[in-house]
Amino acid sequence: MPRKARIDAPGALQHIIIRGIEGRAIFRDRWDRDSFLKRLGNVLLDTSTACYAWALMSNHVHLLLRTGLAPIATVMRRCLTGYAQQFNRRYERHGPLFQNRYKSILCEEDPYFLELVRYIHLNPVRAGVVKDFSQLRSYRYCGHAVIMGIMKCEWQDRDYVLGFFDESERAARRHYAAFVARGVELGRQPNLVGGGLIRSAGGWSSVKDQLRAGIRMKGDERILGSSMFVEEVLERAHEELEQRTRLRSRGIDLETLLFRVIYYYGIDMSIFKTSSKRPAVAKARAVFCYLAVRKLKATGTDVAARLDITQGAVSKCVTRGERILLQEDREEIEKVMLE
């Protein structure tokens, strides 16, 4: 049976699980772990991909990410391909390092966000990598130490997590630590490591109860969330696929979009691709970036290369472009640019 396509979208919350082939180690020492984290951090920052929780184990990795400028598939390919090549050279081995393709589960933020942060950060405790929960705060290969302020990590968004607990950082860290500690007794929680109807509903008994009550449910292994959330995600994914198909059939690509944007705003191409701060140029550049990334699903790398700017600059332009279209006649502009 063919594998289903991944489901992804800007802003989507994704639980990523990466496993070594045949359960083998993907990290043999501290150098390997540090190298992987450096590579991961560079890619996340380049693509404006938020990371809220992470844990490196000997033969697998857990990440909680939010899709940014680039699709999660692009982020993972850049990180894992380079690391696998480096690992094989270092240990004079050949063949794949990772088990099949990594697992990505699109998650419903409420009620799963904090549960996933806790689950991921307790991995070293459950596996016995650290003696007990009290030692987790000093374990350097898990995001828990970052949230507790023991370790610094510029690519982990600790503030977003702490914001769920208190406005005061000191109080938030205390409440967060207590929340994570309560999760130790919950065990492995298999419902958090995959999507599907049974897992999302909290077990087969819960599914049967809802079926008896005449409640219609829908599940998908690629999605962790309620039946309504699953239906909404699948419908949105179908609509986006249809939109991309329509755009491709009309021959609308980055080059076509670029010419339409500069014509609409009356900008000369030679000026458009410069660092000019003129309001009209900045507006056109922002709108182009937004439409390219959000509508054409172009990567931040491709857009940055087209405009000769950094991926960070593309990220800022996408945000600004969305604000501009909200203030102007969005439907009219998109119609002119994409039809």
Protein backbone atom coordinates (compact mmCIF):
# COMPACT_ATOMS: atom_id res chain seq x y z
CA MET A 1 0.00 0.00 0.00
CA PRO A 2 1.55 3.36 -1.02
CA ARG A 3 2.49 5.79 1.73
CA LYS A 4 0.23 8.79 2.18
CA ALA A 5 1.68 12.19 1.38
CA ARG A 6 2.77 14.30 4.31
CA ILE A 7 0.40 17.01 5.47
CA ASP A 8 2.03 20.37 6.13
CA ALA A 9 1.25 24.08 6.05
CA PRO A 10 2.78 27.31 7.37
CA GLY A 11 2.12 27.48 11.11
CA ALA A 12 1.37 23.76 11.47
CA LEU A 13 2.46 22.10 14.71
CA GLN A 14 4.45 18.95 13.94
CA HIS A 15 5.71 16.16 16.19
CA ILE A 16 8.76 14.72 14.42
CA ILE A 17 10.23 11.33 15.31
CA ILE A 18 13.53 10.25 13.71
CA ARG A 19 14.76 6.68 14.32
CA GLY A 20 17.97 4.87 13.49
CA ILE A 21 17.72 2.03 10.99
CA GLU A 22 16.98 -1.31 12.69
CA GLY A 23 17.03 0.52 16.02
CA ARG A 24 20.76 1.24 15.75
CA ALA A 25 22.46 4.22 17.36
CA ILE A 26 22.54 7.46 15.39
CA PHE A 27 24.72 9.15 18.03
CA ARG A 28 27.82 7.41 19.37
CA ASP A 29 29.32 10.19 21.42
CA ARG A 30 28.98 13.81 22.47
CA TRP A 31 30.60 15.08 19.27
CA ASP A 32 27.86 13.45 17.19
CA ARG A 33 25.12 14.98 19.31
CA ASP A 34 26.67 18.45 19.25
CA SER A 35 27.17 18.23 15.50
CA PHE A 36 23.54 17.24 14.94
CA LEU A 37 22.26 20.08 17.13
CA LYS A 38 24.43 22.64 15.35
CA ARG A 39 23.19 21.46 11.97
CA LEU A 40 19.57 21.38 13.16
CA GLY A 41 19.81 24.84 14.71
CA ASN A 42 21.24 26.40 11.55
CA VAL A 43 18.45 24.97 9.41
CA LEU A 44 15.70 26.01 11.84
CA LEU A 45 17.00 29.58 12.00
CA ASP A 46 17.46 29.77 8.22
CA THR A 47 13.87 28.66 7.60
CA SER A 48 12.21 30.47 10.54
CA THR A 49 10.99 27.12 11.88
CA ALA A 50 10.04 27.33 15.56
CA CYS A 51 11.13 24.56 17.93
CA TYR A 52 9.41 24.16 21.31
CA ALA A 53 10.69 20.80 22.57
CA TRP A 54 13.40 18.31 21.63
CA ALA A 55 15.28 15.31 22.99
CA LEU A 56 18.20 13.34 21.57
CA MET A 57 18.34 9.67 22.52
CA SER A 58 20.95 7.17 21.36
CA ASN A 59 18.86 5.78 18.50
CA HIS A 60 16.08 8.31 17.99
CA VAL A 61 15.15 11.99 18.16
CA HIS A 62 11.92 13.79 19.12
CA LEU A 63 11.17 17.34 17.92
CA LEU A 64 8.14 19.60 18.32
CA LEU A 65 8.25 22.12 15.48
CA ARG A 66 6.05 24.73 13.84
CA THR A 67 6.37 25.01 10.07
CA GLY A 68 7.92 28.29 9.01
CA LEU A 69 9.16 29.49 5.61
CA ALA A 70 10.11 26.05 4.33
CA PRO A 71 8.08 22.83 4.44
CA ILE A 72 9.07 20.43 7.21
CA ALA A 73 10.21 18.00 4.50
CA THR A 74 12.78 20.56 3.32
CA VAL A 75 13.96 21.26 6.87
CA MET A 76 14.41 17.56 7.62
CA ARG A 77 16.12 16.82 4.31
CA ARG A 78 18.69 19.55 4.84
CA CYS A 79 19.40 18.42 8.38
CA LEU A 80 19.31 14.63 8.06
CA THR A 81 21.05 14.21 4.71
CA GLY A 82 24.08 16.22 5.77
CA TYR A 83 24.28 14.55 9.16
CA ALA A 84 24.01 11.02 7.69
CA GLN A 85 26.80 11.74 5.20
CA GLN A 86 29.00 13.11 7.97
CA PHE A 87 28.24 10.14 10.25
CA ASN A 88 29.09 7.63 7.51
CA ARG A 89 32.38 9.34 6.74
CA ARG A 90 33.35 9.53 10.39
CA TYR A 91 32.69 5.86 11.09
CA GLU A 92 33.60 4.53 7.62
CA ARG A 93 30.18 3.00 7.09
CA HIS A 94 27.82 2.82 4.12
CA GLY A 95 24.09 2.73 3.60
CA PRO A 96 21.14 4.51 5.23
CA LEU A 97 21.45 5.76 8.79
CA PHE A 98 17.77 6.45 9.46
CA GLN A 99 14.82 4.06 9.51
CA ASN A 100 12.75 4.62 6.36
CA ARG A 101 11.54 8.20 6.43
CA TYR A 102 11.07 10.16 9.62
CA LYS A 103 7.59 10.29 11.15
CA SER A 104 5.75 13.61 11.14
CA ILE A 105 2.41 14.04 12.89
CA LEU A 106 0.44 17.25 12.44
CA CYS A 107 -0.99 18.03 15.89
CA GLU A 108 -3.96 19.96 17.17
CA GLU A 109 -2.47 22.61 19.42
CA ASP A 110 -5.20 22.52 22.05
CA PRO A 111 -5.13 20.18 23.96
CA TYR A 112 -1.89 18.53 22.77
CA PHE A 113 0.77 21.27 22.81
CA LEU A 114 1.79 21.16 26.47
CA GLU A 115 1.28 17.39 26.65
CA LEU A 116 3.72 16.95 23.78
CA VAL A 117 6.28 19.31 25.33
CA ARG A 118 6.12 17.27 28.55
CA TYR A 119 6.19 13.92 26.77
CA ILE A 120 9.22 14.82 24.63
CA HIS A 121 11.21 16.31 27.49
CA LEU A 122 10.61 13.28 29.71
CA ASN A 123 12.15 10.88 27.19
CA PRO A 124 15.56 10.78 28.95
CA VAL A 125 13.82 9.97 32.27
CA ARG A 126 11.68 7.17 30.82
CA ALA A 127 14.72 5.66 29.06
CA GLY A 128 16.92 5.85 32.16
CA VAL A 129 19.41 8.17 30.47
CA VAL A 130 19.17 10.35 33.59
CA LYS A 131 18.66 8.87 37.03
CA ASP A 132 15.49 10.78 37.88
CA PHE A 133 13.52 13.92 37.08
CA SER A 134 15.71 16.13 39.28
CA GLN A 135 18.70 15.40 37.03
CA LEU A 136 16.82 16.23 33.83
CA ARG A 137 17.42 19.97 34.32
CA SER A 138 21.16 19.45 33.83
CA TYR A 139 20.91 17.05 30.86
CA ARG A 140 22.32 18.95 27.90
CA TYR A 141 20.66 16.98 25.10
CA CYS A 142 17.06 17.83 25.92
CA GLY A 143 15.14 21.11 25.66
CA HIS A 144 13.99 20.92 29.29
CA ALA A 145 17.27 22.47 30.47
CA VAL A 146 16.71 25.38 28.08
CA ILE A 147 13.22 26.13 29.39
CA MET A 148 14.54 25.96 32.95
CA GLY A 149 17.17 28.59 32.08
CA ILE A 150 20.11 26.26 32.73
CA MET A 151 21.21 26.07 29.11
CA LYS A 152 20.95 28.56 26.24
CA CYS A 153 19.66 27.65 22.80
CA GLU A 154 18.86 30.44 20.33
CA TRP A 155 16.71 28.25 18.09
CA GLN A 156 14.38 26.95 20.83
CA ASP A 157 11.35 29.13 21.63
CA ARG A 158 11.26 28.76 25.41
CA ASP A 159 9.26 31.96 25.92
CA TYR A 160 6.27 30.59 24.02
CA VAL A 161 6.16 27.53 26.28
CA LEU A 162 6.65 29.49 29.49
CA GLY A 163 3.90 31.89 28.42
CA PHE A 164 1.35 29.14 29.11
CA PHE A 165 2.27 29.08 32.81
CA ASP A 166 2.76 32.64 34.08
CA GLU A 167 3.74 36.18 33.04
CA SER A 168 6.66 36.12 35.46
CA GLU A 169 9.50 34.00 34.06
CA ARG A 170 10.53 32.79 37.51
CA ALA A 171 7.00 31.68 38.39
CA ALA A 172 6.48 30.22 34.90
CA ARG A 173 9.58 28.03 35.24
CA ARG A 174 8.37 26.78 38.61
CA HIS A 175 4.90 25.92 37.31
CA TYR A 176 6.33 24.36 34.15
CA ALA A 177 8.70 22.14 36.19
CA ALA A 178 5.82 20.98 38.39
CA PHE A 179 3.74 20.21 35.30
CA VAL A 180 6.50 18.13 33.73
CA ALA A 181 7.22 16.32 37.02
CA ARG A 182 3.57 15.18 37.21
CA GLY A 183 4.05 13.49 33.86
CA VAL A 184 6.63 11.01 35.16
CA GLU A 185 3.95 8.73 36.57
CA LEU A 186 1.97 8.79 33.31
CA GLY A 187 4.47 6.46 31.63
CA ARG A 188 4.97 6.14 27.87
CA GLN A 189 1.62 7.57 26.69
CA PRO A 190 1.44 5.85 23.28
CA ASN A 191 -1.46 8.12 22.31
CA LEU A 192 1.06 10.97 21.87
CA VAL A 193 3.45 9.26 19.44
CA GLY A 194 1.10 8.88 16.50
CA GLY A 195 -2.13 9.98 14.97
CA GLY A 196 -5.11 7.85 14.09
CA LEU A 197 -8.62 7.51 15.44
CA ILE A 198 -7.89 5.28 18.44
CA ARG A 199 -4.90 7.30 19.64
CA SER A 200 -6.58 10.66 19.19
CA ALA A 201 -9.68 9.47 21.04
CA GLY A 202 -7.58 8.23 23.96
CA GLY A 203 -7.98 4.48 23.42
CA TRP A 204 -10.30 1.86 21.95
CA SER A 205 -12.72 1.97 24.89
CA SER A 206 -13.27 5.68 24.28
CA VAL A 207 -13.85 5.02 20.57
CA LYS A 208 -16.48 2.38 21.38
CA ASP A 209 -18.24 4.70 23.82
CA GLN A 210 -18.49 7.42 21.19
CA LEU A 211 -19.68 4.96 18.54
CA ARG A 212 -22.43 3.72 20.88
CA ALA A 213 -23.48 7.35 21.37
CA GLY A 214 -23.78 7.73 17.61
CA ILE A 215 -20.86 10.16 17.36
CA ARG A 216 -19.23 10.10 13.91
CA MET A 217 -15.44 10.17 14.07
CA LYS A 218 -12.64 10.47 11.57
CA GLY A 219 -9.00 9.54 12.07
CA ASP A 220 -5.75 9.72 10.10
CA GLU A 221 -2.33 8.38 11.13
CA ARG A 222 -0.70 11.62 9.97
CA ILE A 223 -2.80 13.76 12.31
CA LEU A 224 -3.16 13.91 16.10
CA GLY A 225 -6.38 15.65 17.04
CA SER A 226 -10.13 15.48 17.35
CA SER A 227 -12.32 14.14 14.56
CA MET A 228 -13.36 17.70 13.64
CA PHE A 229 -9.72 18.81 13.50
CA VAL A 230 -8.83 15.84 11.28
CA GLU A 231 -11.65 16.68 8.87
CA GLU A 232 -10.66 20.35 8.74
CA VAL A 233 -6.99 19.53 8.07
CA LEU A 234 -7.79 17.04 5.33
CA GLU A 235 -10.23 19.44 3.67
CA ARG A 236 -7.70 22.29 3.80
CA ALA A 237 -4.96 20.03 2.40
CA HIS A 238 -7.25 19.02 -0.46
CA GLU A 239 -8.09 22.66 -1.24
CA GLU A 240 -4.40 23.65 -1.24
CA LEU A 241 -3.55 20.75 -3.54
CA GLU A 242 -6.28 21.83 -5.95
CA GLN A 243 -5.04 25.43 -5.84
CA ARG A 244 -1.44 24.41 -6.60
CA THR A 245 -2.68 22.21 -9.46
CA ARG A 246 -4.69 25.11 -10.92
CA LEU A 247 -1.72 27.49 -10.68
CA ARG A 248 0.64 25.00 -12.35
CA SER A 249 -1.87 24.36 -15.14
CA ARG A 250 -1.94 28.11 -15.83
CA GLY A 251 1.83 28.25 -15.98
CA ILE A 252 2.12 30.49 -12.92
CA ASP A 253 5.55 30.07 -11.38
CA LEU A 254 7.96 32.36 -9.51
CA GLU A 255 9.08 34.13 -12.68
CA THR A 256 5.51 34.79 -13.82
CA LEU A 257 4.53 36.05 -10.37
CA LEU A 258 7.58 38.31 -10.25
CA PHE A 259 6.68 40.04 -13.53
CA ARG A 260 3.04 40.45 -12.49
CA VAL A 261 3.99 42.04 -9.15
CA ILE A 262 6.43 44.59 -10.61
CA TYR A 263 3.94 45.45 -13.38
CA TYR A 264 1.09 45.90 -10.88
CA TYR A 265 3.13 48.19 -8.63
CA GLY A 266 4.97 49.93 -11.49
CA ILE A 267 8.43 48.96 -10.29
CA ASP A 268 11.47 48.58 -12.53
CA MET A 269 13.04 45.10 -12.32
CA SER A 270 16.53 46.53 -11.72
CA ILE A 271 15.24 48.42 -8.65
CA PHE A 272 13.03 45.60 -7.41
CA LYS A 273 16.01 43.30 -6.88
CA THR A 274 18.00 45.87 -4.91
CA SER A 275 17.96 46.82 -1.24
CA SER A 276 16.00 49.98 -2.02
CA LYS A 277 13.98 51.28 0.95
CA ARG A 278 11.46 53.13 -1.20
CA PRO A 279 7.95 52.37 0.16
CA ALA A 280 6.60 51.20 -3.20
CA VAL A 281 9.54 48.83 -3.73
CA ALA A 282 9.37 47.46 -0.18
CA LYS A 283 5.61 46.89 -0.54
CA ALA A 284 5.98 45.07 -3.87
CA ARG A 285 8.79 42.91 -2.51
CA ALA A 286 6.72 41.98 0.56
CA VAL A 287 3.65 41.07 -1.50
CA PHE A 288 5.78 38.97 -3.86
CA CYS A 289 7.32 37.05 -0.94
CA TYR A 290 3.93 36.42 0.65
CA LEU A 291 2.30 35.15 -2.55
CA ALA A 292 5.35 33.06 -3.48
CA VAL A 293 5.62 31.31 -0.12
CA ARG A 294 1.96 31.08 0.90
CA LYS A 295 0.25 30.55 -2.46
CA LEU A 296 2.84 29.02 -4.77
CA LYS A 297 4.39 27.10 -1.85
CA ALA A 298 7.87 28.16 -2.94
CA THR A 299 10.65 27.59 -0.44
CA GLY A 300 12.29 30.46 1.40
CA THR A 301 15.57 29.39 -0.23
CA ASP A 302 14.18 29.79 -3.76
CA VAL A 303 12.58 33.15 -3.02
CA ALA A 304 15.74 34.44 -1.32
CA ALA A 305 17.84 33.43 -4.33
CA ARG A 306 15.38 35.12 -6.69
CA LEU A 307 15.62 38.44 -4.82
CA ASP A 308 19.24 38.08 -3.67
CA ILE A 309 18.27 38.48 0.00
CA THR A 310 18.57 36.25 3.07
CA GLN A 311 15.94 33.73 4.15
CA GLY A 312 15.46 35.78 7.30
CA ALA A 313 14.58 38.78 5.14
CA VAL A 314 12.11 36.61 3.18
CA SER A 315 10.43 35.61 6.46
CA LYS A 316 9.97 39.26 7.45
CA CYS A 317 8.65 40.11 3.98
CA VAL A 318 6.09 37.29 4.14
CA THR A 319 4.73 38.64 7.42
CA ARG A 320 4.66 42.21 6.11
CA GLY A 321 3.08 41.11 2.82
CA GLU A 322 0.24 39.42 4.68
CA ARG A 323 -0.42 42.63 6.65
CA ILE A 324 -0.41 44.68 3.45
CA LEU A 325 -2.95 42.41 1.76
CA LEU A 326 -5.18 42.53 4.83
CA GLN A 327 -5.23 46.34 4.55
CA GLU A 328 -5.75 46.44 0.80
CA ASP A 329 -8.13 44.61 -1.55
CA ARG A 330 -6.69 41.15 -0.98
CA GLU A 331 -9.03 39.26 -3.29
CA GLU A 332 -8.49 41.69 -6.14
CA ILE A 333 -4.68 41.62 -5.81
CA GLU A 334 -4.55 37.81 -5.62
CA LYS A 335 -6.85 37.59 -8.64
CA VAL A 336 -4.56 39.84 -10.69
CA MET A 337 -1.41 38.02 -9.58
CA LEU A 338 -2.55 34.40 -9.70
CA GLU A 339 -5.24 34.12 -12.39
